[in-house]
Amino acid sequence: MDLHIKDVLKHYIRKDKKVGDAYYTQKIKSFWAKEFSQSITSRTTSLKFVNGKLYLKVNSAPLRHELFNNRQMLMDKINVHLDEDILHVIDFS
């Protein structure tokens, strides 16, 4: 059997939820910083992934409303970035 390090890491991340959630949180934060403008990232006060759910705190009501209206597109983009269909819900605060 020929295992690649990528496959071993994916298995470990899926097996240990705490490690997996921390890993996906960092990947999403990296995506967020790269994909969105400074005005959006500066208004994002918290971003955390837990069990398929992204908890997103934004300190701007109009921005929160805009993100909420585009949440499916946002989830699709994040899942593509993660190369997995793991994000199922975005909770806006």
C-alpha atoms as a PDB file:
ATOM      1  CA  MET A   1       0.000   0.000   0.000  1.00  0.00           C
ATOM      2  CA  ASP A   2       1.358   3.381  -1.049  1.00  0.00           C
ATOM      3  CA  LEU A   3       0.066   6.221   1.172  1.00  0.00           C
ATOM      4  CA  HIS A   4       0.842   9.840   0.513  1.00  0.00           C
ATOM      5  CA  ILE A   5       1.300  12.305   3.354  1.00  0.00           C
ATOM      6  CA  LYS A   6      -1.736  14.250   2.111  1.00  0.00           C
ATOM      7  CA  ASP A   7      -3.939  11.168   2.556  1.00  0.00           C
ATOM      8  CA  VAL A   8      -2.554  10.456   6.012  1.00  0.00           C
ATOM      9  CA  LEU A   9      -3.157  14.059   7.111  1.00  0.00           C
ATOM     10  CA  LYS A  10      -6.713  14.065   5.736  1.00  0.00           C
ATOM     11  CA  HIS A  11      -7.458  10.874   7.641  1.00  0.00           C
ATOM     12  CA  TYR A  12      -6.055  12.355  10.869  1.00  0.00           C
ATOM     13  CA  ILE A  13      -7.971  15.619  10.426  1.00  0.00           C
ATOM     14  CA  ARG A  14     -11.228  13.741   9.859  1.00  0.00           C
ATOM     15  CA  LYS A  15     -10.614  11.419  12.803  1.00  0.00           C
ATOM     16  CA  ASP A  16      -9.799  14.108  15.394  1.00  0.00           C
ATOM     17  CA  LYS A  17     -12.601  16.725  15.301  1.00  0.00           C
ATOM     18  CA  LYS A  18     -10.746  19.239  17.471  1.00  0.00           C
ATOM     19  CA  VAL A  19      -7.705  19.174  15.199  1.00  0.00           C
ATOM     20  CA  GLY A  20      -9.924  19.181  12.112  1.00  0.00           C
ATOM     21  CA  ASP A  21     -11.934  22.183  13.258  1.00  0.00           C
ATOM     22  CA  ALA A  22      -8.755  24.128  14.056  1.00  0.00           C
ATOM     23  CA  TYR A  23      -7.278  23.172  10.680  1.00  0.00           C
ATOM     24  CA  TYR A  24     -10.389  24.239   8.752  1.00  0.00           C
ATOM     25  CA  THR A  25     -10.671  27.463  10.760  1.00  0.00           C
ATOM     26  CA  GLN A  26      -7.143  28.426   9.705  1.00  0.00           C
ATOM     27  CA  LYS A  27      -7.751  27.462   6.076  1.00  0.00           C
ATOM     28  CA  ILE A  28     -10.936  29.565   5.987  1.00  0.00           C
ATOM     29  CA  LYS A  29      -9.179  32.522   7.646  1.00  0.00           C
ATOM     30  CA  SER A  30      -6.472  32.323   4.990  1.00  0.00           C
ATOM     31  CA  PHE A  31      -9.109  32.206   2.244  1.00  0.00           C
ATOM     32  CA  TRP A  32     -10.992  35.132   3.826  1.00  0.00           C
ATOM     33  CA  ALA A  33      -7.905  37.335   3.952  1.00  0.00           C
ATOM     34  CA  LYS A  34      -6.901  36.455   0.392  1.00  0.00           C
ATOM     35  CA  GLU A  35     -10.316  36.599  -1.225  1.00  0.00           C
ATOM     36  CA  PHE A  36     -11.881  39.712   0.323  1.00  0.00           C
ATOM     37  CA  SER A  37     -10.918  43.354   0.533  1.00  0.00           C
ATOM     38  CA  GLN A  38      -9.400  45.008   3.581  1.00  0.00           C
ATOM     39  CA  SER A  39     -12.717  46.746   4.302  1.00  0.00           C
ATOM     40  CA  ILE A  40     -14.460  43.370   4.663  1.00  0.00           C
ATOM     41  CA  THR A  41     -11.690  41.623   6.582  1.00  0.00           C
ATOM     42  CA  SER A  42     -11.343  44.550   8.987  1.00  0.00           C
ATOM     43  CA  ARG A  43     -15.073  44.329   9.787  1.00  0.00           C
ATOM     44  CA  THR A  44     -14.845  40.598  10.434  1.00  0.00           C
ATOM     45  CA  THR A  45     -14.196  40.285  14.158  1.00  0.00           C
ATOM     46  CA  SER A  46     -14.356  36.508  14.534  1.00  0.00           C
ATOM     47  CA  LEU A  47     -14.333  33.485  12.263  1.00  0.00           C
ATOM     48  CA  LYS A  48     -14.490  29.928  13.605  1.00  0.00           C
ATOM     49  CA  PHE A  49     -15.333  26.563  12.044  1.00  0.00           C
ATOM     50  CA  VAL A  50     -16.960  23.886  14.238  1.00  0.00           C
ATOM     51  CA  ASN A  51     -18.580  20.646  13.033  1.00  0.00           C
ATOM     52  CA  GLY A  52     -19.494  21.820   9.538  1.00  0.00           C
ATOM     53  CA  LYS A  53     -20.666  25.236  10.713  1.00  0.00           C
ATOM     54  CA  LEU A  54     -18.875  28.551  10.237  1.00  0.00           C
ATOM     55  CA  TYR A  55     -19.446  31.106  12.986  1.00  0.00           C
ATOM     56  CA  LEU A  56     -18.845  34.529  11.515  1.00  0.00           C
ATOM     57  CA  LYS A  57     -18.995  37.750  13.493  1.00  0.00           C
ATOM     58  CA  VAL A  58     -19.146  40.967  11.534  1.00  0.00           C
ATOM     59  CA  ASN A  59     -19.397  44.405  13.142  1.00  0.00           C
ATOM     60  CA  SER A  60     -21.255  45.989  10.238  1.00  0.00           C
ATOM     61  CA  ALA A  61     -24.983  45.377   9.795  1.00  0.00           C
ATOM     62  CA  PRO A  62     -25.008  46.170   6.040  1.00  0.00           C
ATOM     63  CA  LEU A  63     -22.055  43.848   5.441  1.00  0.00           C
ATOM     64  CA  ARG A  64     -23.647  41.094   7.545  1.00  0.00           C
ATOM     65  CA  HIS A  65     -26.841  41.473   5.507  1.00  0.00           C
ATOM     66  CA  GLU A  66     -24.918  41.289   2.218  1.00  0.00           C
ATOM     67  CA  LEU A  67     -22.987  38.207   3.318  1.00  0.00           C
ATOM     68  CA  PHE A  68     -26.173  36.575   4.592  1.00  0.00           C
ATOM     69  CA  ASN A  69     -27.882  37.113   1.238  1.00  0.00           C
ATOM     70  CA  ASN A  70     -24.899  35.533  -0.536  1.00  0.00           C
ATOM     71  CA  ARG A  71     -24.254  32.749   1.986  1.00  0.00           C
ATOM     72  CA  GLN A  72     -24.762  29.857  -0.463  1.00  0.00           C
ATOM     73  CA  MET A  73     -22.270  31.328  -2.926  1.00  0.00           C
ATOM     74  CA  LEU A  74     -19.894  31.973  -0.035  1.00  0.00           C
ATOM     75  CA  MET A  75     -20.224  28.376   1.231  1.00  0.00           C
ATOM     76  CA  ASP A  76     -19.628  27.045  -2.276  1.00  0.00           C
ATOM     77  CA  LYS A  77     -16.469  29.141  -2.672  1.00  0.00           C
ATOM     78  CA  ILE A  78     -15.128  28.079   0.722  1.00  0.00           C
ATOM     79  CA  ASN A  79     -15.837  24.405   0.018  1.00  0.00           C
ATOM     80  CA  VAL A  80     -14.008  24.686  -3.314  1.00  0.00           C
ATOM     81  CA  HIS A  81     -11.064  26.305  -1.519  1.00  0.00           C
ATOM     82  CA  LEU A  82     -11.052  23.505   1.076  1.00  0.00           C
ATOM     83  CA  ASP A  83     -11.371  20.913  -1.703  1.00  0.00           C
ATOM     84  CA  GLU A  84     -14.112  19.255   0.382  1.00  0.00           C
ATOM     85  CA  ASP A  85     -17.833  19.647   0.854  1.00  0.00           C
ATOM     86  CA  ILE A  86     -17.525  20.161   4.598  1.00  0.00           C
ATOM     87  CA  LEU A  87     -19.105  23.571   5.251  1.00  0.00           C
ATOM     88  CA  HIS A  88     -22.896  23.305   5.499  1.00  0.00           C
ATOM     89  CA  VAL A  89     -24.046  26.319   7.544  1.00  0.00           C
ATOM     90  CA  ILE A  90     -22.891  29.879   8.156  1.00  0.00           C
ATOM     91  CA  ASP A  91     -24.011  31.468  11.412  1.00  0.00           C
ATOM     92  CA  PHE A  92     -23.794  35.278  11.284  1.00  0.00           C
ATOM     93  CA  SER A  93     -23.488  37.251  14.500  1.00  0.00           C
END
